[in-house]
Amino acid sequence: MITNKILYYIKKIIPAGERGRAGFTLAELLISMTILILVSTVVLANYRYYGNRNDLNMSAQKLANDVRRAQSYALGLTEFAPIGDFPDGGWGIRFRKNQQDYTIFADYDTPSVVMQSNEEFRTEKFMRSGVQITNRVTVYKGGTGTDYNYAWVTFVPPNPIIHILGASNQNGGGANTAECDYVEIELVLLNTPYTKKIIINKYGLVDITD
């Protein structure tokens, strides 16, 4: 249909005397093919753009939903199967920079916000391959942000109390000890300039921004 419309307008532009009676001239066909190639290039570029953005958006939404899931586990006093009881330190989620996954955990073994190896509940991968956390795992306090290798957000009922912690290693070394305002996790779709930020504040609110 698009081809027919293009050829129709070409016939309107090119004088009738320059066209053969049996059909289109070579010049007309070349012009129409050039236009088709240009249109196809634009359509393909837009398809890739929106496809890439959609992959990133879906991954960011999944991460935000999993943060809310950890929060709901804490509010619902969900038991952690290995101990058959609710974890005293609540439920949380751990982020690590430059990774394509993150971990939901139950903080029961000496509650300290930091996830121990035996507290892992489930490691979640992003919904689309090629999406990962960048090297920006930033914890903010009083308007000042500090980048860390690891960050933890833990929800402790009944309020719940939200603990936000950043550290240089998985054992909590070099951790910030003061109560923090929020953590910002940046996602990127590899080999593209597209990023998304997930912000979790000390009140448990989760926001997704560009």
Protein backbone atom coordinates (compact mmCIF):
# COMPACT_ATOMS: atom_id res chain seq x y z
CA MET A 1 0.00 0.00 0.00
CA ILE A 2 2.82 2.42 0.89
CA THR A 3 4.60 1.53 -2.37
CA ASN A 4 1.49 2.25 -4.43
CA LYS A 5 1.05 5.65 -2.77
CA ILE A 6 4.69 6.53 -3.41
CA LEU A 7 4.42 5.57 -7.06
CA TYR A 8 1.19 7.53 -7.36
CA TYR A 9 2.80 10.72 -6.14
CA ILE A 10 5.85 10.14 -8.33
CA LYS A 11 3.56 9.94 -11.35
CA LYS A 12 1.99 13.24 -10.30
CA ILE A 13 5.42 14.85 -10.04
CA ILE A 14 7.02 13.47 -13.22
CA PRO A 15 5.38 14.78 -16.42
CA ALA A 16 3.39 12.22 -18.38
CA GLY A 17 5.60 12.72 -21.42
CA GLU A 18 8.57 11.37 -19.51
CA ARG A 19 6.83 8.14 -18.58
CA GLY A 20 6.28 5.15 -20.80
CA ARG A 21 2.71 4.19 -21.51
CA ALA A 22 3.28 0.60 -20.35
CA GLY A 23 4.23 1.52 -16.76
CA PHE A 24 6.87 3.31 -14.76
CA THR A 25 10.22 4.42 -16.04
CA LEU A 26 13.53 3.34 -14.54
CA ALA A 27 13.92 6.78 -12.99
CA GLU A 28 10.59 6.47 -11.23
CA LEU A 29 11.44 3.03 -9.88
CA LEU A 30 14.82 4.22 -8.62
CA ILE A 31 13.22 7.18 -6.88
CA SER A 32 10.57 4.99 -5.26
CA MET A 33 13.17 2.45 -4.09
CA THR A 34 15.26 5.23 -2.56
CA ILE A 35 12.23 6.58 -0.71
CA LEU A 36 11.31 3.09 0.50
CA ILE A 37 14.83 2.54 1.83
CA LEU A 38 14.76 5.84 3.69
CA VAL A 39 11.32 5.12 5.17
CA SER A 40 12.38 1.60 6.18
CA THR A 41 15.52 2.93 7.86
CA VAL A 42 13.50 5.41 9.92
CA VAL A 43 10.93 2.77 10.89
CA LEU A 44 13.63 0.27 11.91
CA ALA A 45 15.48 2.88 13.96
CA ASN A 46 12.29 3.80 15.79
CA TYR A 47 11.47 0.13 16.38
CA ARG A 48 14.88 -0.51 17.92
CA TYR A 49 14.64 2.65 20.02
CA TYR A 50 11.26 1.80 21.49
CA GLY A 51 12.20 -1.87 21.85
CA ASN A 52 15.33 -0.97 23.83
CA ARG A 53 13.45 1.54 25.97
CA ASN A 54 10.76 -1.02 26.66
CA ASP A 55 13.34 -3.61 27.79
CA LEU A 56 14.82 -1.12 30.22
CA ASN A 57 11.45 0.10 31.46
CA MET A 58 10.24 -3.43 32.16
CA SER A 59 13.43 -4.29 34.05
CA ALA A 60 13.17 -1.13 36.16
CA GLN A 61 9.52 -1.89 36.92
CA LYS A 62 10.38 -5.46 37.97
CA LEU A 63 13.06 -4.22 40.35
CA ALA A 64 10.64 -1.70 41.89
CA ASN A 65 8.02 -4.45 42.29
CA ASP A 66 10.55 -6.72 44.01
CA VAL A 67 11.42 -3.95 46.47
CA ARG A 68 7.72 -3.67 47.26
CA ARG A 69 7.54 -7.44 47.57
CA ALA A 70 10.27 -7.45 50.25
CA GLN A 71 8.37 -4.67 51.99
CA SER A 72 5.12 -6.66 51.87
CA TYR A 73 6.91 -9.73 53.30
CA ALA A 74 7.94 -7.59 56.29
CA LEU A 75 4.50 -6.05 56.76
CA GLY A 76 2.84 -9.46 56.41
CA LEU A 77 5.26 -11.09 58.88
CA THR A 78 6.12 -13.68 56.24
CA GLU A 79 8.12 -16.61 57.58
CA PHE A 80 11.51 -17.54 56.17
CA ALA A 81 11.24 -21.28 55.42
CA PRO A 82 14.75 -22.36 56.59
CA ILE A 83 14.02 -21.13 60.12
CA GLY A 84 10.23 -21.59 60.13
CA ASP A 85 9.75 -18.16 61.63
CA PHE A 86 9.71 -14.48 60.82
CA PRO A 87 13.25 -13.05 60.57
CA ASP A 88 13.89 -10.67 63.48
CA GLY A 89 15.72 -8.22 61.23
CA GLY A 90 12.91 -8.12 58.67
CA TRP A 91 13.07 -8.62 54.92
CA GLY A 92 15.39 -6.77 52.58
CA ILE A 93 16.96 -6.51 49.16
CA ARG A 94 20.65 -6.26 48.27
CA PHE A 95 22.13 -4.47 45.27
CA ARG A 96 25.61 -4.78 43.86
CA LYS A 97 27.08 -2.49 41.22
CA ASN A 98 27.80 -3.78 37.67
CA GLN A 99 25.55 -6.82 38.15
CA GLN A 100 22.59 -8.17 36.19
CA ASP A 101 20.77 -9.36 39.31
CA TYR A 102 19.90 -8.48 42.91
CA THR A 103 18.94 -10.51 45.97
CA ILE A 104 15.93 -10.63 48.28
CA PHE A 105 16.93 -11.80 51.76
CA ALA A 106 15.62 -12.48 55.27
CA ASP A 107 17.71 -10.76 57.94
CA TYR A 108 17.53 -13.28 60.80
CA ASP A 109 21.13 -14.24 61.58
CA THR A 110 22.29 -11.47 63.93
CA PRO A 111 20.10 -8.73 62.45
CA SER A 112 22.46 -6.15 61.05
CA VAL A 113 20.91 -5.08 57.71
CA VAL A 114 23.81 -6.71 55.81
CA MET A 115 22.83 -9.97 54.12
CA GLN A 116 24.67 -13.10 55.24
CA SER A 117 25.11 -16.05 52.87
CA ASN A 118 22.54 -18.17 54.75
CA GLU A 119 19.93 -15.41 54.60
CA GLU A 120 19.41 -15.41 50.86
CA PHE A 121 15.83 -15.96 49.81
CA ARG A 122 15.99 -15.49 46.04
CA THR A 123 18.29 -13.91 43.48
CA GLU A 124 16.34 -12.12 40.79
CA LYS A 125 17.62 -11.38 37.29
CA PHE A 126 16.39 -8.49 35.19
CA MET A 127 13.62 -9.32 32.73
CA ARG A 128 15.74 -8.54 29.67
CA SER A 129 19.31 -9.60 28.97
CA GLY A 130 21.73 -6.72 28.64
CA VAL A 131 20.17 -4.73 31.47
CA GLN A 132 22.37 -4.31 34.53
CA ILE A 133 23.07 -2.08 37.50
CA THR A 134 25.72 0.50 36.64
CA ASN A 135 28.63 1.49 38.87
CA ARG A 136 26.29 4.02 40.47
CA VAL A 137 24.83 2.53 43.64
CA THR A 138 24.48 5.79 45.55
CA VAL A 139 23.37 6.28 49.14
CA TYR A 140 22.29 9.80 50.16
CA LYS A 141 22.38 11.46 53.55
CA GLY A 142 21.61 15.15 54.05
CA GLY A 143 21.79 15.87 50.33
CA THR A 144 25.22 14.26 49.90
CA GLY A 145 25.52 11.07 47.86
CA THR A 146 28.23 8.42 48.18
CA ASP A 147 28.78 5.62 45.67
CA TYR A 148 29.23 2.13 47.10
CA ASN A 149 29.87 -1.34 45.73
CA TYR A 150 26.92 -2.71 47.70
CA ALA A 151 23.67 -1.33 49.09
CA TRP A 152 20.99 -2.91 51.28
CA VAL A 153 17.43 -1.82 51.98
CA THR A 154 15.75 -3.63 54.86
CA PHE A 155 12.16 -3.39 56.09
CA VAL A 156 11.51 -4.15 59.77
CA PRO A 157 7.90 -4.27 61.05
CA PRO A 158 5.62 -3.12 62.44
CA ASN A 159 6.00 0.43 61.05
CA PRO A 160 8.05 -0.72 59.13
CA ILE A 161 11.41 0.80 59.94
CA ILE A 162 13.50 1.16 56.78
CA HIS A 163 17.26 0.72 57.03
CA ILE A 164 19.39 1.89 54.09
CA LEU A 165 23.04 0.91 54.11
CA GLY A 166 25.92 1.23 51.64
CA ALA A 167 29.28 -0.53 51.94
CA SER A 168 32.46 -1.27 50.00
CA ASN A 169 32.16 -5.06 50.39
CA GLN A 170 29.47 -7.67 50.96
CA ASN A 171 30.32 -8.02 54.65
CA GLY A 172 29.57 -4.39 55.34
CA GLY A 173 33.13 -3.10 55.35
CA GLY A 174 33.39 0.65 54.99
CA ALA A 175 29.68 1.00 55.64
CA ASN A 176 27.87 4.21 56.38
CA THR A 177 26.56 3.92 59.93
CA ALA A 178 24.15 6.88 60.04
CA GLU A 179 20.51 6.60 59.05
CA CYS A 180 20.27 7.49 55.35
CA ASP A 181 17.64 9.38 53.39
CA TYR A 182 17.49 7.29 50.23
CA VAL A 183 19.40 5.05 47.84
CA GLU A 184 19.57 5.51 44.08
CA ILE A 185 20.14 2.48 41.84
CA GLU A 186 20.97 3.24 38.21
CA LEU A 187 20.20 0.69 35.48
CA VAL A 188 21.62 0.71 31.97
CA LEU A 189 20.88 -1.21 28.80
CA LEU A 190 24.34 -2.26 27.68
CA ASN A 191 25.73 -0.76 24.46
CA THR A 192 23.10 2.00 24.54
CA PRO A 193 22.90 5.41 26.24
CA TYR A 194 19.60 4.49 27.93
CA THR A 195 19.43 4.50 31.73
CA LYS A 196 16.79 4.39 34.45
CA LYS A 197 17.05 5.20 38.15
CA ILE A 198 15.20 3.47 40.96
CA ILE A 199 15.01 5.57 44.12
CA ILE A 200 14.04 4.05 47.49
CA ASN A 201 13.65 6.48 50.36
CA LYS A 202 13.61 6.06 54.14
CA TYR A 203 9.80 6.03 54.14
CA GLY A 204 9.70 2.99 51.86
CA LEU A 205 8.52 4.84 48.75
CA VAL A 206 9.88 3.61 45.43
CA ASP A 207 10.20 5.86 42.38
CA ILE A 208 11.47 5.29 38.82
CA THR A 209 13.05 8.19 36.93
CA ASP A 210 15.11 8.73 33.76
